Amino acid sequence: MNKWIALGAAVVVATGCQTIDPYTGEQKASNTTVGAGIGAATGAVLGAMTSSKGDRNKGILTGALVGGAVGGGVGYYMDQQEALLRQELAGSGVQVQRNGDEIRLVMPGNITFPTNSHDLNSSFMPVLDSVAKVLTKFDQTQLMVDGFTDSQGSFEYNQQLSERRASSVAGYLRNVGVASQRLQSKGWGERYPVADNGTAAGRAANRRVELNIKSFDSQ
């Protein structure tokens, strides 16, 4: 019974904090706090499994504290990166989305490339410069650039265009100082639409490049 009390106390301490989302105004647990709670629970279980019977309570508490610190650290790191990205990209047309310890930047096709081209719009390059500034500051992340098209045209053409566009974004980021070993790119063509390809607005939403940012520690 005592071990579950220790586990519960550690998790409550780690997850009890609430924050106000500055973009929605809603109260929620911060990503740092959620990460700490997950880490605490995982650490407590491992502590119980690896401790002798006499030291099990101590092992649970120690594991919870260590796990909470690690989990909270990743969450805090991504929180800070997200905040700076939102600041840098305000008004740019790029969406900043957060899912746990991952950040996704959605770059609409109407601001990134001319029609049927993989040459970056010159007006979009300063936006990528801002992205690169944040990525070089927060260098403990891996980066995947994904390209997508609408369904007009042949499947083969859309696939190749999406690959070239993803490669162009990744190449630009490399050229302005983002370490090449952190970057990968992939084209998905007309797969994984986010809107109805039967409408002009839907097709515009589907033409996009996404930059997925993930902590190395979250692997």
Protein backbone atom coordinates (compact mmCIF):
# COMPACT_ATOMS: atom_id res chain seq x y z
CA MET A 1 0.00 0.00 0.00
CA ASN A 2 2.78 2.45 0.89
CA LYS A 3 4.32 2.18 -2.56
CA TRP A 4 1.09 3.32 -4.18
CA ILE A 5 0.87 6.23 -1.76
CA ALA A 6 4.39 7.25 -2.71
CA LEU A 7 3.58 6.91 -6.42
CA GLY A 8 0.38 8.90 -6.08
CA ALA A 9 2.09 11.68 -4.16
CA ALA A 10 4.86 11.98 -6.71
CA VAL A 11 2.45 12.14 -9.63
CA VAL A 12 0.16 14.64 -7.92
CA VAL A 13 3.11 16.92 -7.15
CA ALA A 14 4.40 16.61 -10.71
CA THR A 15 1.06 17.20 -12.44
CA GLY A 16 -0.78 19.54 -10.14
CA CYS A 17 0.16 22.82 -11.82
CA GLN A 18 -2.17 24.55 -14.26
CA THR A 19 -1.34 27.29 -16.74
CA ILE A 20 -3.33 29.64 -18.95
CA ASP A 21 -2.92 29.01 -22.68
CA PRO A 22 -1.94 32.46 -24.02
CA TYR A 23 -3.54 31.70 -27.40
CA THR A 24 -6.93 30.33 -26.30
CA GLY A 25 -7.28 31.79 -22.81
CA GLU A 26 -8.17 28.34 -21.46
CA GLN A 27 -6.75 26.81 -18.30
CA LYS A 28 -4.74 23.65 -18.91
CA ALA A 29 -1.83 21.63 -17.63
CA SER A 30 1.36 22.89 -19.23
CA ASN A 31 3.27 20.53 -21.52
CA THR A 32 6.12 20.75 -19.04
CA THR A 33 3.83 19.59 -16.26
CA VAL A 34 2.29 16.80 -18.32
CA GLY A 35 5.76 15.59 -19.27
CA ALA A 36 6.79 15.65 -15.64
CA GLY A 37 3.76 13.60 -14.66
CA ILE A 38 4.40 10.94 -17.31
CA GLY A 39 8.05 10.80 -16.33
CA ALA A 40 7.17 10.50 -12.67
CA ALA A 41 4.78 7.61 -13.25
CA THR A 42 7.25 5.78 -15.47
CA GLY A 43 10.10 6.36 -13.04
CA ALA A 44 8.04 5.12 -10.12
CA VAL A 45 7.18 1.88 -11.88
CA LEU A 46 10.81 1.29 -12.84
CA GLY A 47 11.87 2.12 -9.30
CA ALA A 48 9.49 -0.50 -7.94
CA MET A 49 10.68 -3.13 -10.40
CA THR A 50 14.39 -2.59 -9.78
CA SER A 51 14.36 -2.22 -5.98
CA SER A 52 14.62 -4.93 -3.39
CA LYS A 53 11.56 -5.60 -1.25
CA GLY A 54 12.91 -3.67 1.72
CA ASP A 55 13.86 -0.63 -0.35
CA ARG A 56 10.90 -0.64 -2.71
CA ASN A 57 9.17 2.43 -1.32
CA LYS A 58 12.39 4.39 -1.53
CA GLY A 59 12.95 3.13 -5.07
CA ILE A 60 9.48 4.20 -6.14
CA LEU A 61 9.90 7.70 -4.78
CA THR A 62 13.39 8.12 -6.21
CA GLY A 63 12.29 6.83 -9.60
CA ALA A 64 9.30 9.16 -9.64
CA LEU A 65 11.40 12.20 -8.83
CA VAL A 66 14.06 11.41 -11.41
CA GLY A 67 11.50 10.54 -14.08
CA GLY A 68 9.54 13.68 -13.38
CA ALA A 69 12.61 15.85 -13.77
CA VAL A 70 13.49 14.25 -17.11
CA GLY A 71 9.94 14.42 -18.46
CA GLY A 72 9.50 18.00 -17.33
CA GLY A 73 12.79 19.00 -18.90
CA VAL A 74 11.73 17.89 -22.39
CA GLY A 75 8.36 19.59 -21.99
CA TYR A 76 9.95 22.84 -20.82
CA TYR A 77 12.42 22.80 -23.71
CA MET A 78 9.61 22.39 -26.25
CA ASP A 79 7.44 24.97 -24.47
CA GLN A 80 10.17 27.57 -24.84
CA GLN A 81 10.76 26.68 -28.49
CA GLU A 82 7.05 26.86 -29.26
CA ALA A 83 6.72 30.28 -27.63
CA LEU A 84 9.62 31.69 -29.64
CA LEU A 85 8.32 30.21 -32.90
CA ARG A 86 4.90 31.77 -32.32
CA GLN A 87 6.57 35.10 -31.66
CA GLU A 88 8.75 34.92 -34.77
CA LEU A 89 5.98 33.66 -37.08
CA ALA A 90 3.12 35.90 -35.95
CA GLY A 91 1.39 37.27 -39.05
CA SER A 92 3.47 35.17 -41.46
CA GLY A 93 0.68 32.79 -42.48
CA VAL A 94 2.54 29.80 -40.99
CA GLN A 95 0.53 27.81 -38.44
CA VAL A 96 2.26 26.62 -35.27
CA GLN A 97 0.65 23.46 -33.91
CA ARG A 98 1.58 21.58 -30.73
CA ASN A 99 0.95 17.93 -29.95
CA GLY A 100 2.61 16.75 -26.75
CA ASP A 101 6.36 17.15 -27.15
CA GLU A 102 6.14 17.71 -30.90
CA ILE A 103 5.72 20.98 -32.80
CA ARG A 104 4.42 21.21 -36.36
CA LEU A 105 4.78 24.23 -38.63
CA VAL A 106 2.24 24.23 -41.46
CA MET A 107 3.38 26.35 -44.41
CA PRO A 108 0.58 26.97 -46.94
CA GLY A 109 1.39 26.55 -50.61
CA ASN A 110 0.10 30.02 -51.54
CA ILE A 111 2.95 31.69 -49.61
CA THR A 112 5.75 29.17 -50.12
CA PHE A 113 5.95 28.41 -53.86
CA PRO A 114 4.67 29.66 -57.22
CA THR A 115 2.13 27.38 -58.92
CA ASN A 116 3.66 24.12 -60.16
CA SER A 117 7.12 25.15 -58.98
CA HIS A 118 9.53 24.04 -56.29
CA ASP A 119 11.45 27.34 -56.31
CA LEU A 120 10.79 29.17 -53.05
CA ASN A 121 9.01 32.51 -53.21
CA SER A 122 11.55 35.20 -52.39
CA SER A 123 8.98 36.76 -50.04
CA PHE A 124 8.91 33.53 -48.01
CA MET A 125 12.65 33.32 -47.46
CA PRO A 126 12.66 35.79 -44.53
CA VAL A 127 10.04 33.59 -42.86
CA LEU A 128 12.32 30.58 -43.18
CA ASP A 129 15.17 32.72 -41.85
CA SER A 130 13.07 33.30 -38.72
CA VAL A 131 12.38 29.57 -38.42
CA ALA A 132 16.08 28.79 -38.80
CA LYS A 133 16.98 31.31 -36.09
CA VAL A 134 14.81 29.41 -33.60
CA LEU A 135 15.95 25.97 -34.78
CA THR A 136 19.62 26.84 -34.35
CA LYS A 137 18.93 28.16 -30.85
CA PHE A 138 17.05 24.97 -29.90
CA ASP A 139 19.35 22.42 -31.47
CA GLN A 140 18.29 19.33 -29.50
CA THR A 141 15.55 18.48 -31.98
CA GLN A 142 15.24 16.44 -35.13
CA LEU A 143 13.40 17.89 -38.12
CA MET A 144 11.24 16.27 -40.79
CA VAL A 145 10.04 18.36 -43.75
CA ASP A 146 6.95 16.85 -45.43
CA GLY A 147 5.53 18.04 -48.75
CA PHE A 148 1.88 17.66 -49.84
CA THR A 149 -0.16 18.60 -52.92
CA ASP A 150 -3.82 18.64 -53.90
CA SER A 151 -5.28 15.91 -56.13
CA GLN A 152 -5.27 17.81 -59.42
CA GLY A 153 -2.86 16.44 -62.02
CA SER A 154 -1.38 12.96 -62.14
CA PHE A 155 -0.41 11.05 -59.02
CA GLU A 156 3.17 10.73 -60.28
CA TYR A 157 3.55 14.46 -60.97
CA ASN A 158 2.12 15.40 -57.56
CA GLN A 159 4.44 12.96 -55.84
CA GLN A 160 7.51 14.39 -57.53
CA LEU A 161 6.43 17.98 -56.91
CA SER A 162 5.86 17.31 -53.22
CA GLU A 163 9.31 15.71 -52.92
CA ARG A 164 11.01 18.66 -54.64
CA ARG A 165 9.19 21.20 -52.48
CA ALA A 166 10.06 19.41 -49.24
CA SER A 167 13.67 19.16 -50.41
CA SER A 168 13.74 22.88 -51.26
CA VAL A 169 12.62 23.88 -47.76
CA ALA A 170 15.08 21.49 -46.13
CA GLY A 171 17.88 22.70 -48.39
CA TYR A 172 17.20 26.34 -47.59
CA LEU A 173 17.27 25.64 -43.85
CA ARG A 174 20.62 23.87 -44.28
CA ASN A 175 22.01 26.80 -46.23
CA VAL A 176 21.15 29.25 -43.46
CA GLY A 177 22.78 27.25 -40.70
CA VAL A 178 20.56 24.38 -39.55
CA ALA A 179 22.73 21.28 -39.14
CA SER A 180 22.15 18.86 -42.01
CA GLN A 181 22.17 15.79 -39.75
CA ARG A 182 19.03 17.06 -38.04
CA LEU A 183 17.07 17.39 -41.30
CA GLN A 184 15.16 14.91 -43.41
CA SER A 185 12.59 15.52 -46.14
CA LYS A 186 9.85 13.45 -47.71
CA GLY A 187 7.11 14.00 -50.27
CA TRP A 188 3.63 12.56 -49.86
CA GLY A 189 2.01 13.84 -53.04
CA GLU A 190 -1.76 14.03 -52.82
CA ARG A 191 -1.95 11.62 -49.88
CA TYR A 192 -3.13 12.74 -46.43
CA PRO A 193 -5.34 15.68 -47.44
CA VAL A 194 -6.50 17.93 -44.60
CA ALA A 195 -9.50 19.30 -46.54
CA ASP A 196 -11.88 18.44 -49.40
CA ASN A 197 -10.11 18.38 -52.76
CA GLY A 198 -13.50 19.01 -54.38
CA THR A 199 -13.36 22.71 -53.47
CA ALA A 200 -10.87 25.44 -54.30
CA ALA A 201 -10.44 26.28 -50.62
CA GLY A 202 -9.85 22.62 -49.79
CA ARG A 203 -7.25 22.21 -52.51
CA ALA A 204 -5.46 25.32 -51.30
CA ALA A 205 -5.30 23.89 -47.77
CA ASN A 206 -3.91 20.59 -49.05
CA ARG A 207 -1.05 22.30 -50.91
CA ARG A 208 1.37 22.70 -48.04
CA VAL A 209 4.75 21.92 -46.53
CA GLU A 210 4.94 20.82 -42.91
CA LEU A 211 8.00 21.01 -40.67
CA ASN A 212 7.76 18.54 -37.79
CA ILE A 213 10.00 19.28 -34.82
CA LYS A 214 10.64 16.50 -32.34
CA SER A 215 13.00 16.32 -29.37
CA PHE A 216 15.79 13.75 -29.61
CA ASP A 217 14.95 12.85 -25.99
CA SER A 218 11.39 11.88 -26.92
CA GLN A 219 12.56 8.94 -29.03
